[in-house]
Every structure is written in structure tokens, then in C-alpha cells.
Amino acid sequence: MLKTGVLLLIFLVLFPLATLQDADQPVERNVENKQDLNLDKRRGMKLLAQRQQECCDPDWCDGACYNCC
């Protein structure tokens, strides 16, 4: 019984704690990558993403459309 308790403690508590990474690492990495971009490049990327949105039919548009209503 004691052996199973020790095994459960190791695998359910200690092992996940040892393998966890900082939650803020990916965010910091993305921020560092975007700091190198100049403002014009960021605007271009944003405009490209907005152009890729689907247009809706004006007959059934609910106001959530980007360009079509």
C-alpha cells in the first residue's frame, strides 16, 4: 500500500512539476520576434489578414461583416 502511494505521489505530483515550463516563455518569444518588425510591415500583415476574411451576403448580414455590409 505504501509503495503505491509513493508511486502515485511521484507520477501524479512530482513528475509533472519537474516537466512544467514557464507559461510566459512562448509569449516572450513571440514579442521578441515582433519587435524586430517595423510598423509598415505590421500594418501590411494586418491588412493581409483582414483581406482574407470572407464577405457575407448583404441580404442576411447581421452587421458582423467586415467590408460587405
PDB file of N, CA and C in Angstrom:
ATOM      1  N   MET A   1       0.832  -1.195   0.000  1.00  0.00           N
ATOM      2  CA  MET A   1       0.000   0.000   0.000  1.00  0.00           C
ATOM      3  C   MET A   1       0.874   1.255   0.000  1.00  0.00           C
ATOM      4  N   LEU A   2       1.923   1.225   0.778  1.00  0.00           N
ATOM      5  CA  LEU A   2       2.814   2.370   0.859  1.00  0.00           C
ATOM      6  C   LEU A   2       3.542   2.593  -0.462  1.00  0.00           C
ATOM      7  N   LYS A   3       3.902   1.485  -1.119  1.00  0.00           N
ATOM      8  CA  LYS A   3       4.603   1.593  -2.400  1.00  0.00           C
ATOM      9  C   LYS A   3       3.717   2.255  -3.456  1.00  0.00           C
ATOM     10  N   THR A   4       2.455   1.897  -3.476  1.00  0.00           N
ATOM     11  CA  THR A   4       1.559   2.509  -4.467  1.00  0.00           C
ATOM     12  C   THR A   4       1.344   3.988  -4.166  1.00  0.00           C
ATOM     13  N   GLY A   5       1.296   4.332  -2.890  1.00  0.00           N
ATOM     14  CA  GLY A   5       1.161   5.742  -2.528  1.00  0.00           C
ATOM     15  C   GLY A   5       2.361   6.559  -2.952  1.00  0.00           C
ATOM     16  N   VAL A   6       3.539   6.001  -2.783  1.00  0.00           N
ATOM     17  CA  VAL A   6       4.766   6.689  -3.195  1.00  0.00           C
ATOM     18  C   VAL A   6       4.805   6.820  -4.711  1.00  0.00           C
ATOM     19  N   LEU A   7       4.445   5.761  -5.420  1.00  0.00           N
ATOM     20  CA  LEU A   7       4.418   5.816  -6.885  1.00  0.00           C
ATOM     21  C   LEU A   7       3.413   6.857  -7.383  1.00  0.00           C
ATOM     22  N   LEU A   8       2.240   6.888  -6.773  1.00  0.00           N
ATOM     23  CA  LEU A   8       1.246   7.889  -7.162  1.00  0.00           C
ATOM     24  C   LEU A   8       1.759   9.298  -6.910  1.00  0.00           C
ATOM     25  N   LEU A   9       2.391   9.510  -5.785  1.00  0.00           N
ATOM     26  CA  LEU A   9       2.946  10.825  -5.478  1.00  0.00           C
ATOM     27  C   LEU A   9       3.987  11.228  -6.516  1.00  0.00           C
ATOM     28  N   ILE A  10       4.845  10.305  -6.863  1.00  0.00           N
ATOM     29  CA  ILE A  10       5.902  10.623  -7.826  1.00  0.00           C
ATOM     30  C   ILE A  10       5.316  10.939  -9.191  1.00  0.00           C
ATOM     31  N   PHE A  11       4.439  10.084  -9.692  1.00  0.00           N
ATOM     32  CA  PHE A  11       3.960  10.247 -11.058  1.00  0.00           C
ATOM     33  C   PHE A  11       2.863  11.294 -11.208  1.00  0.00           C
ATOM     34  N   LEU A  12       2.069  11.516 -10.187  1.00  0.00           N
ATOM     35  CA  LEU A  12       0.978  12.481 -10.312  1.00  0.00           C
ATOM     36  C   LEU A  12       1.339  13.881  -9.828  1.00  0.00           C
ATOM     37  N   VAL A  13       2.349  14.005  -8.973  1.00  0.00           N
ATOM     38  CA  VAL A  13       2.694  15.317  -8.421  1.00  0.00           C
ATOM     39  C   VAL A  13       4.095  15.748  -8.821  1.00  0.00           C
ATOM     40  N   LEU A  14       5.078  14.945  -8.469  1.00  0.00           N
ATOM     41  CA  LEU A  14       6.464  15.369  -8.657  1.00  0.00           C
ATOM     42  C   LEU A  14       6.891  15.370 -10.120  1.00  0.00           C
ATOM     43  N   PHE A  15       6.534  14.365 -10.879  1.00  0.00           N
ATOM     44  CA  PHE A  15       6.935  14.311 -12.284  1.00  0.00           C
ATOM     45  C   PHE A  15       6.346  15.463 -13.102  1.00  0.00           C
ATOM     46  N   PRO A  16       5.044  15.768 -12.997  1.00  0.00           N
ATOM     47  CA  PRO A  16       4.528  16.928 -13.748  1.00  0.00           C
ATOM     48  C   PRO A  16       5.156  18.249 -13.312  1.00  0.00           C
ATOM     49  N   LEU A  17       5.463  18.408 -12.034  1.00  0.00           N
ATOM     50  CA  LEU A  17       6.097  19.642 -11.578  1.00  0.00           C
ATOM     51  C   LEU A  17       7.496  19.795 -12.162  1.00  0.00           C
ATOM     52  N   ALA A  18       8.201  18.690 -12.322  1.00  0.00           N
ATOM     53  CA  ALA A  18       9.556  18.740 -12.858  1.00  0.00           C
ATOM     54  C   ALA A  18       9.562  19.027 -14.354  1.00  0.00           C
ATOM     55  N   THR A  19       8.489  18.682 -15.056  1.00  0.00           N
ATOM     56  CA  THR A  19       8.466  18.849 -16.513  1.00  0.00           C
ATOM     57  C   THR A  19       7.741  20.109 -16.959  1.00  0.00           C
ATOM     58  N   LEU A  20       7.151  20.852 -16.034  1.00  0.00           N
ATOM     59  CA  LEU A  20       6.440  22.072 -16.425  1.00  0.00           C
ATOM     60  C   LEU A  20       7.418  23.138 -16.889  1.00  0.00           C
ATOM     61  N   GLN A  21       7.000  23.905 -17.894  1.00  0.00           N
ATOM     62  CA  GLN A  21       7.788  25.041 -18.352  1.00  0.00           C
ATOM     63  C   GLN A  21       7.088  26.312 -17.893  1.00  0.00           C
ATOM     64  N   ASP A  22       7.811  27.409 -17.919  1.00  0.00           N
ATOM     65  CA  ASP A  22       7.190  28.683 -17.581  1.00  0.00           C
ATOM     66  C   ASP A  22       6.127  29.012 -18.614  1.00  0.00           C
ATOM     67  N   ALA A  23       4.985  29.451 -18.155  1.00  0.00           N
ATOM     68  CA  ALA A  23       3.889  29.746 -19.069  1.00  0.00           C
ATOM     69  C   ALA A  23       4.171  30.982 -19.909  1.00  0.00           C
ATOM     70  N   ASP A  24       5.048  31.860 -19.453  1.00  0.00           N
ATOM     71  CA  ASP A  24       5.277  33.103 -20.184  1.00  0.00           C
ATOM     72  C   ASP A  24       6.379  32.982 -21.232  1.00  0.00           C
ATOM     73  N   GLN A  25       7.031  31.858 -21.368  1.00  0.00           N
ATOM     74  CA  GLN A  25       8.103  31.735 -22.353  1.00  0.00           C
ATOM     75  C   GLN A  25       7.622  31.909 -23.791  1.00  0.00           C
ATOM     76  N   PRO A  26       6.555  31.234 -24.237  1.00  0.00           N
ATOM     77  CA  PRO A  26       6.140  31.421 -25.628  1.00  0.00           C
ATOM     78  C   PRO A  26       5.716  32.860 -25.922  1.00  0.00           C
ATOM     79  N   VAL A  27       5.084  33.515 -24.973  1.00  0.00           N
ATOM     80  CA  VAL A  27       4.645  34.890 -25.184  1.00  0.00           C
ATOM     81  C   VAL A  27       5.845  35.803 -25.354  1.00  0.00           C
ATOM     82  N   GLU A  28       6.843  35.640 -24.512  1.00  0.00           N
ATOM     83  CA  GLU A  28       8.041  36.468 -24.624  1.00  0.00           C
ATOM     84  C   GLU A  28       8.742  36.238 -25.951  1.00  0.00           C
ATOM     85  N   ARG A  29       8.768  34.988 -26.411  1.00  0.00           N
ATOM     86  CA  ARG A  29       9.427  34.681 -27.669  1.00  0.00           C
ATOM     87  C   ARG A  29       8.699  35.364 -28.826  1.00  0.00           C
ATOM     88  N   ASN A  30       7.368  35.331 -28.801  1.00  0.00           N
ATOM     89  CA  ASN A  30       6.605  35.974 -29.866  1.00  0.00           C
ATOM     90  C   ASN A  30       6.781  37.485 -29.833  1.00  0.00           C
ATOM     91  N   VAL A  31       6.823  38.069 -28.664  1.00  0.00           N
ATOM     92  CA  VAL A  31       7.004  39.513 -28.543  1.00  0.00           C
ATOM     93  C   VAL A  31       8.371  39.904 -29.078  1.00  0.00           C
ATOM     94  N   GLU A  32       9.389  39.127 -28.769  1.00  0.00           N
ATOM     95  CA  GLU A  32      10.726  39.433 -29.270  1.00  0.00           C
ATOM     96  C   GLU A  32      10.767  39.360 -30.787  1.00  0.00           C
ATOM     97  N   ASN A  33      10.071  38.394 -31.366  1.00  0.00           N
ATOM     98  CA  ASN A  33      10.053  38.277 -32.823  1.00  0.00           C
ATOM     99  C   ASN A  33       9.356  39.472 -33.460  1.00  0.00           C
ATOM    100  N   LYS A  34       8.298  39.965 -32.854  1.00  0.00           N
ATOM    101  CA  LYS A  34       7.535  41.063 -33.439  1.00  0.00           C
ATOM    102  C   LYS A  34       8.187  42.416 -33.205  1.00  0.00           C
ATOM    103  N   GLN A  35       9.074  42.521 -32.238  1.00  0.00           N
ATOM    104  CA  GLN A  35       9.742  43.794 -32.005  1.00  0.00           C
ATOM    105  C   GLN A  35      10.668  44.144 -33.154  1.00  0.00           C
ATOM    106  N   ASP A  36      11.157  43.140 -33.867  1.00  0.00           N
ATOM    107  CA  ASP A  36      12.069  43.391 -34.972  1.00  0.00           C
ATOM    108  C   ASP A  36      11.348  43.919 -36.212  1.00  0.00           C
ATOM    109  N   LEU A  37      10.047  43.756 -36.275  1.00  0.00           N
ATOM    110  CA  LEU A  37       9.298  44.219 -37.440  1.00  0.00           C
ATOM    111  C   LEU A  37       9.056  45.718 -37.341  1.00  0.00           C
ATOM    112  N   ASN A  38       9.161  46.393 -38.461  1.00  0.00           N
ATOM    113  CA  ASN A  38       8.841  47.814 -38.430  1.00  0.00           C
ATOM    114  C   ASN A  38       7.330  47.999 -38.544  1.00  0.00           C
ATOM    115  N   LEU A  39       6.857  49.189 -38.327  1.00  0.00           N
ATOM    116  CA  LEU A  39       5.423  49.455 -38.275  1.00  0.00           C
ATOM    117  C   LEU A  39       4.748  49.183 -39.613  1.00  0.00           C
ATOM    118  N   ASP A  40       5.405  49.509 -40.722  1.00  0.00           N
ATOM    119  CA  ASP A  40       4.806  49.276 -42.035  1.00  0.00           C
ATOM    120  C   ASP A  40       4.600  47.789 -42.303  1.00  0.00           C
ATOM    121  N   LYS A  41       5.539  46.969 -41.896  1.00  0.00           N
ATOM    122  CA  LYS A  41       5.386  45.529 -42.088  1.00  0.00           C
ATOM    123  C   LYS A  41       4.221  44.994 -41.268  1.00  0.00           C
ATOM    124  N   ARG A  42       4.094  45.477 -40.024  1.00  0.00           N
ATOM    125  CA  ARG A  42       2.989  45.010 -39.184  1.00  0.00           C
ATOM    126  C   ARG A  42       1.650  45.432 -39.775  1.00  0.00           C
ATOM    127  N   ARG A  43       1.574  46.658 -40.305  1.00  0.00           N
ATOM    128  CA  ARG A  43       0.331  47.105 -40.943  1.00  0.00           C
ATOM    129  C   ARG A  43       0.008  46.237 -42.146  1.00  0.00           C
ATOM    130  N   GLY A  44       1.032  45.912 -42.928  1.00  0.00           N
ATOM    131  CA  GLY A  44       0.822  45.073 -44.102  1.00  0.00           C
ATOM    132  C   GLY A  44       0.308  43.697 -43.730  1.00  0.00           C
ATOM    133  N   MET A  45       0.853  43.139 -42.660  1.00  0.00           N
ATOM    134  CA  MET A  45       0.397  41.828 -42.214  1.00  0.00           C
ATOM    135  C   MET A  45      -1.050  41.899 -41.733  1.00  0.00           C
ATOM    136  N   LYS A  46      -1.403  42.978 -41.047  1.00  0.00           N
ATOM    137  CA  LYS A  46      -2.765  43.131 -40.542  1.00  0.00           C
ATOM    138  C   LYS A  46      -3.744  43.306 -41.700  1.00  0.00           C
ATOM    139  N   LEU A  47      -3.371  44.116 -42.686  1.00  0.00           N
ATOM    140  CA  LEU A  47      -4.247  44.318 -43.833  1.00  0.00           C
ATOM    141  C   LEU A  47      -4.425  43.029 -44.620  1.00  0.00           C
ATOM    142  N   LEU A  48      -3.367  42.255 -44.753  1.00  0.00           N
ATOM    143  CA  LEU A  48      -3.465  40.981 -45.454  1.00  0.00           C
ATOM    144  C   LEU A  48      -4.427  40.046 -44.733  1.00  0.00           C
ATOM    145  N   ALA A  49      -4.364  40.013 -43.420  1.00  0.00           N
ATOM    146  CA  ALA A  49      -5.266  39.160 -42.644  1.00  0.00           C
ATOM    147  C   ALA A  49      -6.711  39.629 -42.785  1.00  0.00           C
ATOM    148  N   GLN A  50      -6.928  40.936 -42.839  1.00  0.00           N
ATOM    149  CA  GLN A  50      -8.283  41.449 -42.983  1.00  0.00           C
ATOM    150  C   GLN A  50      -8.839  41.152 -44.368  1.00  0.00           C
ATOM    151  N   ARG A  51      -7.983  41.168 -45.381  1.00  0.00           N
ATOM    152  CA  ARG A  51      -8.445  40.874 -46.737  1.00  0.00           C
ATOM    153  C   ARG A  51      -8.845  39.415 -46.890  1.00  0.00           C
ATOM    154  N   GLN A  52      -8.326  38.548 -46.062  1.00  0.00           N
ATOM    155  CA  GLN A  52      -8.617  37.128 -46.178  1.00  0.00           C
ATOM    156  C   GLN A  52      -9.952  36.760 -45.542  1.00  0.00           C
ATOM    157  N   GLN A  53     -10.619  37.689 -44.911  1.00  0.00           N
ATOM    158  CA  GLN A  53     -11.911  37.397 -44.304  1.00  0.00           C
ATOM    159  C   GLN A  53     -12.961  37.259 -45.403  1.00  0.00           C
ATOM    160  N   GLU A  54     -13.902  36.386 -45.149  1.00  0.00           N
ATOM    161  CA  GLU A  54     -14.969  36.147 -46.112  1.00  0.00           C
ATOM    162  C   GLU A  54     -15.984  37.288 -46.084  1.00  0.00           C
ATOM    163  N   CYS A  55     -16.485  37.634 -47.241  1.00  0.00           N
ATOM    164  CA  CYS A  55     -17.564  38.619 -47.329  1.00  0.00           C
ATOM    165  C   CYS A  55     -18.894  37.896 -47.177  1.00  0.00           C
ATOM    166  N   CYS A  56     -19.843  38.598 -46.624  1.00  0.00           N
ATOM    167  CA  CYS A  56     -21.153  37.979 -46.453  1.00  0.00           C
ATOM    168  C   CYS A  56     -22.145  38.577 -47.439  1.00  0.00           C
ATOM    169  N   ASP A  57     -23.247  37.896 -47.585  1.00  0.00           N
ATOM    170  CA  ASP A  57     -24.313  38.341 -48.472  1.00  0.00           C
ATOM    171  C   ASP A  57     -25.071  39.475 -47.777  1.00  0.00           C
ATOM    172  N   PRO A  58     -25.202  40.635 -48.419  1.00  0.00           N
ATOM    173  CA  PRO A  58     -25.883  41.767 -47.763  1.00  0.00           C
ATOM    174  C   PRO A  58     -27.319  41.467 -47.355  1.00  0.00           C
ATOM    175  N   ASP A  59     -27.957  40.478 -47.991  1.00  0.00           N
ATOM    176  CA  ASP A  59     -29.345  40.156 -47.654  1.00  0.00           C
ATOM    177  C   ASP A  59     -29.482  39.581 -46.241  1.00  0.00           C
ATOM    178  N   TRP A  60     -28.486  38.844 -45.785  1.00  0.00           N
ATOM    179  CA  TRP A  60     -28.592  38.237 -44.460  1.00  0.00           C
ATOM    180  C   TRP A  60     -27.517  38.724 -43.497  1.00  0.00           C
ATOM    181  N   CYS A  61     -26.895  39.839 -43.808  1.00  0.00           N
ATOM    182  CA  CYS A  61     -25.813  40.359 -42.974  1.00  0.00           C
ATOM    183  C   CYS A  61     -26.355  40.842 -41.627  1.00  0.00           C
ATOM    184  N   ASP A  62     -25.635  40.492 -40.564  1.00  0.00           N
ATOM    185  CA  ASP A  62     -26.058  40.900 -39.224  1.00  0.00           C
ATOM    186  C   ASP A  62     -25.202  42.028 -38.659  1.00  0.00           C
ATOM    187  N   GLY A  63     -24.349  42.625 -39.485  1.00  0.00           N
ATOM    188  CA  GLY A  63     -23.509  43.715 -39.033  1.00  0.00           C
ATOM    189  C   GLY A  63     -22.131  43.280 -38.588  1.00  0.00           C
ATOM    190  N   ALA A  64     -21.859  41.985 -38.571  1.00  0.00           N
ATOM    191  CA  ALA A  64     -20.556  41.488 -38.151  1.00  0.00           C
ATOM    192  C   ALA A  64     -19.602  41.331 -39.332  1.00  0.00           C
ATOM    193  N   CYS A  65     -20.039  41.674 -40.505  1.00  0.00           N
ATOM    194  CA  CYS A  65     -19.201  41.534 -41.696  1.00  0.00           C
ATOM    195  C   CYS A  65     -18.187  42.671 -41.742  1.00  0.00           C
ATOM    196  N   TYR A  66     -17.090  42.428 -42.448  1.00  0.00           N
ATOM    197  CA  TYR A  66     -16.018  43.415 -42.469  1.00  0.00           C
ATOM    198  C   TYR A  66     -16.249  44.484 -43.528  1.00  0.00           C
ATOM    199  N   ASN A  67     -16.396  44.099 -44.778  1.00  0.00           N
ATOM    200  CA  ASN A  67     -16.495  45.075 -45.860  1.00  0.00           C
ATOM    201  C   ASN A  67     -17.822  45.066 -46.602  1.00  0.00           C
ATOM    202  N   CYS A  68     -18.584  44.038 -46.467  1.00  0.00           N
ATOM    203  CA  CYS A  68     -19.672  43.816 -47.417  1.00  0.00           C
ATOM    204  C   CYS A  68     -20.986  44.482 -47.042  1.00  0.00           C
ATOM    205  N   CYS A  69     -21.157  44.915 -45.834  1.00  0.00           N
ATOM    206  CA  CYS A  69     -22.470  45.450 -45.446  1.00  0.00           C
ATOM    207  C   CYS A  69     -22.508  46.960 -45.554  1.00  0.00           C
TER     208      CYS A  69
END
